[in-house]
Full PDB file with SEQRES, HELIX, SHEET, SSBOND, CRYST1, ORIGX, SCALE, CONECT and MASTER records, all heavy atoms in Angstrom:
SEQRES   1 A   31  ARG ASN LEU GLY MET LEU THR LYS PHE GLY ASP HIS ILE          
SEQRES   2 A   31  LYS ASN TYR SER PRO LEU GLN THR PHE PHE ARG MET PRO          
SEQRES   3 A   31  PHE LEU PRO ILE ILE                                          
HELIX    1 AA1 ILE A   13  ASN A   15  5                                   3    
HELIX    2 AA2 PRO A   18  PHE A   23  1                                   6    
HELIX    3 AA3 PHE A   27  ILE A   30  1                                   4    
CRYST1    1.000    1.000    1.000  90.00  90.00  90.00 P 1           1          
ORIGX1      1.000000  0.000000  0.000000        0.00000                         
ORIGX2      0.000000  1.000000  0.000000        0.00000                         
ORIGX3      0.000000  0.000000  1.000000        0.00000                         
SCALE1      1.000000  0.000000  0.000000        0.00000                         
SCALE2      0.000000  1.000000  0.000000        0.00000                         
SCALE3      0.000000  0.000000  1.000000        0.00000                         
ATOM      1  N   ARG A   1       0.799  -1.218   0.000  1.00  0.00           N  
ATOM      2  CA  ARG A   1       0.000   0.000   0.000  1.00  0.00           C  
ATOM      3  C   ARG A   1       0.834   1.272   0.000  1.00  0.00           C  
ATOM      4  O   ARG A   1       0.328   2.339  -0.357  1.00  0.00           O  
ATOM      5  CB  ARG A   1      -0.924   0.005   1.218  1.00  0.00           C  
ATOM      6  CG  ARG A   1      -1.920  -1.141   1.227  1.00  0.00           C  
ATOM      7  CD  ARG A   1      -3.021  -0.942   0.208  1.00  0.00           C  
ATOM      8  NE  ARG A   1      -3.944  -2.058   0.150  1.00  0.00           N  
ATOM      9  CZ  ARG A   1      -4.970  -2.238   0.973  1.00  0.00           C  
ATOM     10  NH1 ARG A   1      -5.198  -1.361   1.940  1.00  0.00           N  
ATOM     11  NH2 ARG A   1      -5.764  -3.270   0.844  1.00  0.00           N  
ATOM     12  N   ASN A   2       2.091   1.202   0.426  1.00  0.00           N  
ATOM     13  CA  ASN A   2       2.925   2.408   0.494  1.00  0.00           C  
ATOM     14  C   ASN A   2       4.069   2.416  -0.502  1.00  0.00           C  
ATOM     15  O   ASN A   2       4.534   3.484  -0.897  1.00  0.00           O  
ATOM     16  CB  ASN A   2       3.492   2.589   1.900  1.00  0.00           C  
ATOM     17  CG  ASN A   2       2.406   2.776   2.935  1.00  0.00           C  
ATOM     18  OD1 ASN A   2       2.121   1.876   3.702  1.00  0.00           O  
ATOM     19  ND2 ASN A   2       1.774   3.930   2.953  1.00  0.00           N  
ATOM     20  N   LEU A   3       4.539   1.222  -0.889  1.00  0.00           N  
ATOM     21  CA  LEU A   3       5.676   1.154  -1.812  1.00  0.00           C  
ATOM     22  C   LEU A   3       5.291   0.584  -3.169  1.00  0.00           C  
ATOM     23  O   LEU A   3       6.022   0.769  -4.141  1.00  0.00           O  
ATOM     24  CB  LEU A   3       6.808   0.311  -1.204  1.00  0.00           C  
ATOM     25  CG  LEU A   3       7.332   0.747   0.161  1.00  0.00           C  
ATOM     26  CD1 LEU A   3       8.486  -0.156   0.593  1.00  0.00           C  
ATOM     27  CD2 LEU A   3       7.764   2.196   0.146  1.00  0.00           C  
ATOM     28  N   GLY A   4       4.170  -0.123  -3.255  1.00  0.00           N  
ATOM     29  CA  GLY A   4       3.754  -0.702  -4.528  1.00  0.00           C  
ATOM     30  C   GLY A   4       4.715  -1.733  -5.062  1.00  0.00           C  
ATOM     31  O   GLY A   4       4.878  -1.867  -6.270  1.00  0.00           O  
ATOM     32  N   MET A   5       5.339  -2.512  -4.151  1.00  0.00           N  
ATOM     33  CA  MET A   5       6.392  -3.430  -4.564  1.00  0.00           C  
ATOM     34  C   MET A   5       5.933  -4.882  -4.643  1.00  0.00           C  
ATOM     35  O   MET A   5       6.763  -5.777  -4.844  1.00  0.00           O  
ATOM     36  CB  MET A   5       7.592  -3.313  -3.617  1.00  0.00           C  
ATOM     37  CG  MET A   5       8.278  -1.965  -3.676  1.00  0.00           C  
ATOM     38  SD  MET A   5       9.882  -1.971  -2.892  1.00  0.00           S  
ATOM     39  CE  MET A   5      10.814  -3.026  -3.997  1.00  0.00           C  
ATOM     40  N   LEU A   6       4.636  -5.126  -4.482  1.00  0.00           N  
ATOM     41  CA  LEU A   6       4.122  -6.491  -4.576  1.00  0.00           C  
ATOM     42  C   LEU A   6       3.231  -6.613  -5.810  1.00  0.00           C  
ATOM     43  O   LEU A   6       2.347  -5.789  -6.036  1.00  0.00           O  
ATOM     44  CB  LEU A   6       3.320  -6.848  -3.322  1.00  0.00           C  
ATOM     45  CG  LEU A   6       4.071  -6.745  -1.984  1.00  0.00           C  
ATOM     46  CD1 LEU A   6       3.195  -7.250  -0.848  1.00  0.00           C  
ATOM     47  CD2 LEU A   6       5.385  -7.502  -2.028  1.00  0.00           C  
ATOM     48  N   THR A   7       3.465  -7.652  -6.584  1.00  0.00           N  
ATOM     49  CA  THR A   7       2.711  -7.882  -7.800  1.00  0.00           C  
ATOM     50  C   THR A   7       1.233  -8.094  -7.477  1.00  0.00           C  
ATOM     51  O   THR A   7       0.892  -8.848  -6.557  1.00  0.00           O  
ATOM     52  CB  THR A   7       3.246  -9.125  -8.540  1.00  0.00           C  
ATOM     53  OG1 THR A   7       4.664  -9.024  -8.640  1.00  0.00           O  
ATOM     54  CG2 THR A   7       2.637  -9.234  -9.924  1.00  0.00           C  
ATOM     55  N   LYS A   8       0.363  -7.455  -8.232  1.00  0.00           N  
ATOM     56  CA  LYS A   8      -1.078  -7.592  -8.024  1.00  0.00           C  
ATOM     57  C   LYS A   8      -1.674  -8.473  -9.117  1.00  0.00           C  
ATOM     58  O   LYS A   8      -1.411  -8.273 -10.302  1.00  0.00           O  
ATOM     59  CB  LYS A   8      -1.757  -6.211  -8.020  1.00  0.00           C  
ATOM     60  CG  LYS A   8      -1.294  -5.311  -6.883  1.00  0.00           C  
ATOM     61  CD  LYS A   8      -2.056  -4.012  -6.844  1.00  0.00           C  
ATOM     62  CE  LYS A   8      -3.429  -4.205  -6.265  1.00  0.00           C  
ATOM     63  NZ  LYS A   8      -4.098  -2.897  -6.002  1.00  0.00           N  
ATOM     64  N   PHE A   9      -2.497  -9.443  -8.677  1.00  0.00           N  
ATOM     65  CA  PHE A   9      -3.143 -10.358  -9.616  1.00  0.00           C  
ATOM     66  C   PHE A   9      -4.662 -10.227  -9.592  1.00  0.00           C  
ATOM     67  O   PHE A   9      -5.338 -10.754 -10.459  1.00  0.00           O  
ATOM     68  CB  PHE A   9      -2.764 -11.810  -9.290  1.00  0.00           C  
ATOM     69  CG  PHE A   9      -1.304 -12.098  -9.449  1.00  0.00           C  
ATOM     70  CD1 PHE A   9      -0.490 -12.235  -8.342  1.00  0.00           C  
ATOM     71  CD2 PHE A   9      -0.738 -12.223 -10.706  1.00  0.00           C  
ATOM     72  CE1 PHE A   9       0.866 -12.509  -8.483  1.00  0.00           C  
ATOM     73  CE2 PHE A   9       0.612 -12.489 -10.855  1.00  0.00           C  
ATOM     74  CZ  PHE A   9       1.419 -12.630  -9.738  1.00  0.00           C  
ATOM     75  N   GLY A  10      -5.198  -9.571  -8.594  1.00  0.00           N  
ATOM     76  CA  GLY A  10      -6.647  -9.479  -8.468  1.00  0.00           C  
ATOM     77  C   GLY A  10      -7.030  -8.375  -7.525  1.00  0.00           C  
ATOM     78  O   GLY A  10      -6.210  -7.524  -7.165  1.00  0.00           O  
ATOM     79  N   ASP A  11      -8.276  -8.414  -7.076  1.00  0.00           N  
ATOM     80  CA  ASP A  11      -8.804  -7.319  -6.271  1.00  0.00           C  
ATOM     81  C   ASP A  11      -8.348  -7.382  -4.819  1.00  0.00           C  
ATOM     82  O   ASP A  11      -8.116  -6.360  -4.198  1.00  0.00           O  
ATOM     83  CB  ASP A  11     -10.337  -7.327  -6.318  1.00  0.00           C  
ATOM     84  CG  ASP A  11     -10.849  -6.998  -7.709  1.00  0.00           C  
ATOM     85  OD1 ASP A  11     -10.134  -6.298  -8.433  1.00  0.00           O  
ATOM     86  OD2 ASP A  11     -11.952  -7.449  -8.061  1.00  0.00           O  
ATOM     87  N   HIS A  12      -8.229  -8.571  -4.239  1.00  0.00           N  
ATOM     88  CA  HIS A  12      -7.940  -8.658  -2.809  1.00  0.00           C  
ATOM     89  C   HIS A  12      -6.929  -9.760  -2.546  1.00  0.00           C  
ATOM     90  O   HIS A  12      -7.038 -10.869  -3.061  1.00  0.00           O  
ATOM     91  CB  HIS A  12      -9.216  -8.938  -2.018  1.00  0.00           C  
ATOM     92  CG  HIS A  12      -9.120  -8.491  -0.583  1.00  0.00           C  
ATOM     93  ND1 HIS A  12      -8.329  -9.145   0.340  1.00  0.00           N  
ATOM     94  CD2 HIS A  12      -9.695  -7.469   0.075  1.00  0.00           C  
ATOM     95  CE1 HIS A  12      -8.420  -8.533   1.514  1.00  0.00           C  
ATOM     96  NE2 HIS A  12      -9.243  -7.513   1.378  1.00  0.00           N  
ATOM     97  N   ILE A  13      -5.948  -9.441  -1.712  1.00  0.00           N  
ATOM     98  CA  ILE A  13      -4.865 -10.390  -1.462  1.00  0.00           C  
ATOM     99  C   ILE A  13      -5.360 -11.665  -0.784  1.00  0.00           C  
ATOM    100  O   ILE A  13      -4.721 -12.708  -0.884  1.00  0.00           O  
ATOM    101  CB  ILE A  13      -3.751  -9.740  -0.610  1.00  0.00           C  
ATOM    102  CG1 ILE A  13      -4.278  -9.301   0.753  1.00  0.00           C  
ATOM    103  CG2 ILE A  13      -3.127  -8.585  -1.343  1.00  0.00           C  
ATOM    104  CD1 ILE A  13      -3.197  -8.789   1.675  1.00  0.00           C  
ATOM    105  N   LYS A  14      -6.506 -11.611  -0.101  1.00  0.00           N  
ATOM    106  CA  LYS A  14      -7.036 -12.804   0.562  1.00  0.00           C  
ATOM    107  C   LYS A  14      -7.480 -13.856  -0.451  1.00  0.00           C  
ATOM    108  O   LYS A  14      -7.625 -15.033  -0.103  1.00  0.00           O  
ATOM    109  CB  LYS A  14      -8.200 -12.422   1.471  1.00  0.00           C  
ATOM    110  CG  LYS A  14      -7.789 -11.602   2.688  1.00  0.00           C  
ATOM    111  CD  LYS A  14      -8.980 -11.293   3.574  1.00  0.00           C  
ATOM    112  CE  LYS A  14      -8.557 -10.488   4.790  1.00  0.00           C  
ATOM    113  NZ  LYS A  14      -9.704 -10.145   5.672  1.00  0.00           N  
ATOM    114  N   ASN A  15      -7.697 -13.445  -1.693  1.00  0.00           N  
ATOM    115  CA  ASN A  15      -8.144 -14.376  -2.726  1.00  0.00           C  
ATOM    116  C   ASN A  15      -6.989 -14.961  -3.523  1.00  0.00           C  
ATOM    117  O   ASN A  15      -7.217 -15.758  -4.431  1.00  0.00           O  
ATOM    118  CB  ASN A  15      -9.110 -13.668  -3.685  1.00  0.00           C  
ATOM    119  CG  ASN A  15     -10.340 -13.138  -2.980  1.00  0.00           C  
ATOM    120  OD1 ASN A  15     -10.841 -13.754  -2.036  1.00  0.00           O  
ATOM    121  ND2 ASN A  15     -10.847 -11.992  -3.428  1.00  0.00           N  
ATOM    122  N   TYR A  16      -5.753 -14.590  -3.198  1.00  0.00           N  
ATOM    123  CA  TYR A  16      -4.615 -15.084  -3.959  1.00  0.00           C  
ATOM    124  C   TYR A  16      -4.287 -16.526  -3.565  1.00  0.00           C  
ATOM    125  O   TYR A  16      -4.371 -16.908  -2.400  1.00  0.00           O  
ATOM    126  CB  TYR A  16      -3.383 -14.212  -3.716  1.00  0.00           C  
ATOM    127  CG  TYR A  16      -3.463 -12.822  -4.304  1.00  0.00           C  
ATOM    128  CD1 TYR A  16      -2.510 -11.863  -4.004  1.00  0.00           C  
ATOM    129  CD2 TYR A  16      -4.484 -12.461  -5.175  1.00  0.00           C  
ATOM    130  CE1 TYR A  16      -2.574 -10.586  -4.548  1.00  0.00           C  
ATOM    131  CE2 TYR A  16      -4.557 -11.189  -5.714  1.00  0.00           C  
ATOM    132  CZ  TYR A  16      -3.599 -10.261  -5.397  1.00  0.00           C  
ATOM    133  OH  TYR A  16      -3.674  -9.001  -5.938  1.00  0.00           O  
ATOM    134  N   SER A  17      -3.879 -17.298  -4.558  1.00  0.00           N  
ATOM    135  CA  SER A  17      -3.417 -18.663  -4.301  1.00  0.00           C  
ATOM    136  C   SER A  17      -2.009 -18.616  -3.703  1.00  0.00           C  
ATOM    137  O   SER A  17      -1.314 -17.594  -3.799  1.00  0.00           O  
ATOM    138  CB  SER A  17      -3.396 -19.456  -5.599  1.00  0.00           C  
ATOM    139  OG  SER A  17      -2.376 -18.946  -6.461  1.00  0.00           O  
ATOM    140  N   PRO A  18      -1.560 -19.722  -3.096  1.00  0.00           N  
ATOM    141  CA  PRO A  18      -0.173 -19.748  -2.584  1.00  0.00           C  
ATOM    142  C   PRO A  18       0.856 -19.435  -3.664  1.00  0.00           C  
ATOM    143  O   PRO A  18       1.848 -18.759  -3.405  1.00  0.00           O  
ATOM    144  CB  PRO A  18      -0.028 -21.184  -2.063  1.00  0.00           C  
ATOM    145  CG  PRO A  18      -1.425 -21.595  -1.709  1.00  0.00           C  
ATOM    146  CD  PRO A  18      -2.301 -20.933  -2.730  1.00  0.00           C  
ATOM    147  N   LEU A  19       0.613 -19.920  -4.902  1.00  0.00           N  
ATOM    148  CA  LEU A  19       1.555 -19.654  -5.989  1.00  0.00           C  
ATOM    149  C   LEU A  19       1.574 -18.168  -6.336  1.00  0.00           C  
ATOM    150  O   LEU A  19       2.640 -17.581  -6.556  1.00  0.00           O  
ATOM    151  CB  LEU A  19       1.178 -20.480  -7.221  1.00  0.00           C  
ATOM    152  CG  LEU A  19       2.168 -20.403  -8.394  1.00  0.00           C  
ATOM    153  CD1 LEU A  19       3.530 -20.951  -7.980  1.00  0.00           C  
ATOM    154  CD2 LEU A  19       1.612 -21.187  -9.595  1.00  0.00           C  
ATOM    155  N   GLN A  20       0.403 -17.550  -6.385  1.00  0.00           N  
ATOM    156  CA  GLN A  20       0.337 -16.110  -6.650  1.00  0.00           C  
ATOM    157  C   GLN A  20       1.027 -15.321  -5.541  1.00  0.00           C  
ATOM    158  O   GLN A  20       1.743 -14.351  -5.805  1.00  0.00           O  
ATOM    159  CB  GLN A  20      -1.116 -15.671  -6.790  1.00  0.00           C  
ATOM    160  CG  GLN A  20      -1.777 -16.086  -8.086  1.00  0.00           C  
ATOM    161  CD  GLN A  20      -3.238 -15.707  -8.131  1.00  0.00           C  
ATOM    162  OE1 GLN A  20      -3.954 -15.800  -7.132  1.00  0.00           O  
ATOM    163  NE2 GLN A  20      -3.699 -15.265  -9.293  1.00  0.00           N  
ATOM    164  N   THR A  21       0.813 -15.725  -4.304  1.00  0.00           N  
ATOM    165  CA  THR A  21       1.447 -15.049  -3.176  1.00  0.00           C  
ATOM    166  C   THR A  21       2.964 -15.137  -3.284  1.00  0.00           C  
ATOM    167  O   THR A  21       3.682 -14.166  -3.013  1.00  0.00           O  
ATOM    168  CB  THR A  21       0.974 -15.660  -1.847  1.00  0.00           C  
ATOM    169  OG1 THR A  21      -0.452 -15.531  -1.755  1.00  0.00           O  
ATOM    170  CG2 THR A  21       1.618 -14.967  -0.658  1.00  0.00           C  
ATOM    171  N   PHE A  22       3.468 -16.305  -3.721  1.00  0.00           N  
ATOM    172  CA  PHE A  22       4.908 -16.466  -3.902  1.00  0.00           C  
ATOM    173  C   PHE A  22       5.423 -15.511  -4.975  1.00  0.00           C  
ATOM    174  O   PHE A  22       6.450 -14.844  -4.799  1.00  0.00           O  
ATOM    175  CB  PHE A  22       5.236 -17.914  -4.282  1.00  0.00           C  
ATOM    176  CG  PHE A  22       6.688 -18.129  -4.636  1.00  0.00           C  
ATOM    177  CD1 PHE A  22       7.640 -18.284  -3.645  1.00  0.00           C  
ATOM    178  CD2 PHE A  22       7.094 -18.158  -5.965  1.00  0.00           C  
ATOM    179  CE1 PHE A  22       8.978 -18.467  -3.963  1.00  0.00           C  
ATOM    180  CE2 PHE A  22       8.431 -18.344  -6.298  1.00  0.00           C  
ATOM    181  CZ  PHE A  22       9.370 -18.498  -5.287  1.00  0.00           C  
ATOM    182  N   PHE A  23       4.710 -15.432  -6.089  1.00  0.00           N  
ATOM    183  CA  PHE A  23       5.174 -14.593  -7.196  1.00  0.00           C  
ATOM    184  C   PHE A  23       4.946 -13.102  -6.943  1.00  0.00           C  
ATOM    185  O   PHE A  23       5.349 -12.277  -7.764  1.00  0.00           O  
ATOM    186  CB  PHE A  23       4.521 -15.028  -8.509  1.00  0.00           C  
ATOM    187  CG  PHE A  23       5.204 -16.191  -9.156  1.00  0.00           C  
ATOM    188  CD1 PHE A  23       4.622 -17.450  -9.149  1.00  0.00           C  
ATOM    189  CD2 PHE A  23       6.452 -16.033  -9.737  1.00  0.00           C  
ATOM    190  CE1 PHE A  23       5.265 -18.525  -9.724  1.00  0.00           C  
ATOM    191  CE2 PHE A  23       7.104 -17.106 -10.318  1.00  0.00           C  
ATOM    192  CZ  PHE A  23       6.511 -18.365 -10.321  1.00  0.00           C  
ATOM    193  N   ARG A  24       4.318 -12.775  -5.836  1.00  0.00           N  
ATOM    194  CA  ARG A  24       4.276 -11.366  -5.452  1.00  0.00           C  
ATOM    195  C   ARG A  24       5.667 -10.895  -5.009  1.00  0.00           C  
ATOM    196  O   ARG A  24       5.938  -9.707  -4.952  1.00  0.00           O  
ATOM    197  CB  ARG A  24       3.285 -11.150  -4.306  1.00  0.00           C  
ATOM    198  CG  ARG A  24       1.871 -11.616  -4.614  1.00  0.00           C  
ATOM    199  CD  ARG A  24       0.898 -11.047  -3.619  1.00  0.00           C  
ATOM    200  NE  ARG A  24       0.557  -9.707  -4.012  1.00  0.00           N  
ATOM    201  CZ  ARG A  24       0.096  -8.774  -3.189  1.00  0.00           C  
ATOM    202  NH1 ARG A  24      -0.047  -9.026  -1.911  1.00  0.00           N  
ATOM    203  NH2 ARG A  24      -0.210  -7.573  -3.638  1.00  0.00           N  
ATOM    204  N   MET A  25       6.521 -11.820  -4.651  1.00  0.00           N  
ATOM    205  CA  MET A  25       7.918 -11.589  -4.293  1.00  0.00           C  
ATOM    206  C   MET A  25       8.117 -10.642  -3.107  1.00  0.00           C  
ATOM    207  O   MET A  25       8.957  -9.723  -3.163  1.00  0.00           O  
ATOM    208  CB  MET A  25       8.707 -11.075  -5.499  1.00  0.00           C  
ATOM    209  CG  MET A  25       8.785 -12.074  -6.633  1.00  0.00           C  
ATOM    210  SD  MET A  25       9.906 -11.598  -7.963  1.00  0.00           S  
ATOM    211  CE  MET A  25       9.059 -10.199  -8.672  1.00  0.00           C  
ATOM    212  N   PRO A  26       7.385 -10.841  -2.014  1.00  0.00           N  
ATOM    213  CA  PRO A  26       7.606  -9.955  -0.867  1.00  0.00           C  
ATOM    214  C   PRO A  26       8.953 -10.174  -0.204  1.00  0.00           C  
ATOM    215  O   PRO A  26       9.489  -9.263   0.437  1.00  0.00           O  
ATOM    216  CB  PRO A  26       6.458 -10.336   0.082  1.00  0.00           C  
ATOM    217  CG  PRO A  26       6.128 -11.749  -0.270  1.00  0.00           C  
ATOM    218  CD  PRO A  26       6.331 -11.844  -1.748  1.00  0.00           C  
ATOM    219  N   PHE A  27       9.496 -11.388  -0.360  1.00  0.00           N  
ATOM    220  CA  PHE A  27      10.755 -11.726   0.314  1.00  0.00           C  
ATOM    221  C   PHE A  27      11.916 -10.890  -0.191  1.00  0.00           C  
ATOM    222  O   PHE A  27      12.837 -10.554   0.557  1.00  0.00           O  
ATOM    223  CB  PHE A  27      11.066 -13.214   0.128  1.00  0.00           C  
ATOM    224  CG  PHE A  27      11.005 -13.657  -1.308  1.00  0.00           C  
ATOM    225  CD1 PHE A  27      12.120 -13.543  -2.135  1.00  0.00           C  
ATOM    226  CD2 PHE A  27       9.842 -14.185  -1.837  1.00  0.00           C  
ATOM    227  CE1 PHE A  27      12.063 -13.938  -3.464  1.00  0.00           C  
ATOM    228  CE2 PHE A  27       9.782 -14.595  -3.168  1.00  0.00           C  
ATOM    229  CZ  PHE A  27      10.897 -14.468  -3.982  1.00  0.00           C  
ATOM    230  N   LEU A  28      11.904 -10.518  -1.476  1.00  0.00           N  
ATOM    231  CA  LEU A  28      13.062  -9.813  -2.042  1.00  0.00           C  
ATOM    232  C   LEU A  28      13.233  -8.414  -1.454  1.00  0.00           C  
ATOM    233  O   LEU A  28      14.324  -8.079  -0.971  1.00  0.00           O  
ATOM    234  CB  LEU A  28      12.952  -9.770  -3.566  1.00  0.00           C  
ATOM    235  CG  LEU A  28      14.150  -9.139  -4.288  1.00  0.00           C  
ATOM    236  CD1 LEU A  28      15.430  -9.899  -3.978  1.00  0.00           C  
ATOM    237  CD2 LEU A  28      13.909  -9.103  -5.797  1.00  0.00           C  
ATOM    238  N   PRO A  29      12.208  -7.533  -1.486  1.00  0.00           N  
ATOM    239  CA  PRO A  29      12.410  -6.220  -0.870  1.00  0.00           C  
ATOM    240  C   PRO A  29      12.661  -6.293   0.632  1.00  0.00           C  
ATOM    241  O   PRO A  29      13.406  -5.470   1.170  1.00  0.00           O  
ATOM    242  CB  PRO A  29      11.110  -5.468  -1.174  1.00  0.00           C  
ATOM    243  CG  PRO A  29      10.112  -6.511  -1.522  1.00  0.00           C  
ATOM    244  CD  PRO A  29      10.885  -7.628  -2.144  1.00  0.00           C  
ATOM    245  N   ILE A  30      12.074  -7.285   1.306  1.00  0.00           N  
ATOM    246  CA  ILE A  30      12.309  -7.426   2.744  1.00  0.00           C  
ATOM    247  C   ILE A  30      13.774  -7.755   3.002  1.00  0.00           C  
ATOM    248  O   ILE A  30      14.419  -7.167   3.875  1.00  0.00           O  
ATOM    249  CB  ILE A  30      11.390  -8.513   3.340  1.00  0.00           C  
ATOM    250  CG1 ILE A  30       9.928  -8.033   3.334  1.00  0.00           C  
ATOM    251  CG2 ILE A  30      11.824  -8.861   4.759  1.00  0.00           C  
ATOM    252  CD1 ILE A  30       8.936  -9.103   3.728  1.00  0.00           C  
ATOM    253  N   ILE A  31      14.328  -8.690   2.218  1.00  0.00           N  
ATOM    254  CA  ILE A  31      15.741  -9.061   2.377  1.00  0.00           C  
ATOM    255  C   ILE A  31      16.644  -7.884   2.035  1.00  0.00           C  
ATOM    256  O   ILE A  31      17.607  -7.584   2.763  1.00  0.00           O  
ATOM    257  CB  ILE A  31      16.077 -10.288   1.500  1.00  0.00           C  
ATOM    258  CG1 ILE A  31      15.355 -11.534   2.028  1.00  0.00           C  
ATOM    259  CG2 ILE A  31      17.588 -10.520   1.469  1.00  0.00           C  
ATOM    260  CD1 ILE A  31      15.459 -12.731   1.100  1.00  0.00           C  
TER     261      ILE A  31                                                      
MASTER        0    0    0    3    0    0    0    6  260    1    0    3          
END                                                                             
């Protein structure tokens, strides 16, 4: 919501599959 660094696939993150959540790549900016 503040950096726009996670890939968006749909309207709400609660509806994302585990694979989609992985490809959002949150681990990279955190690391």
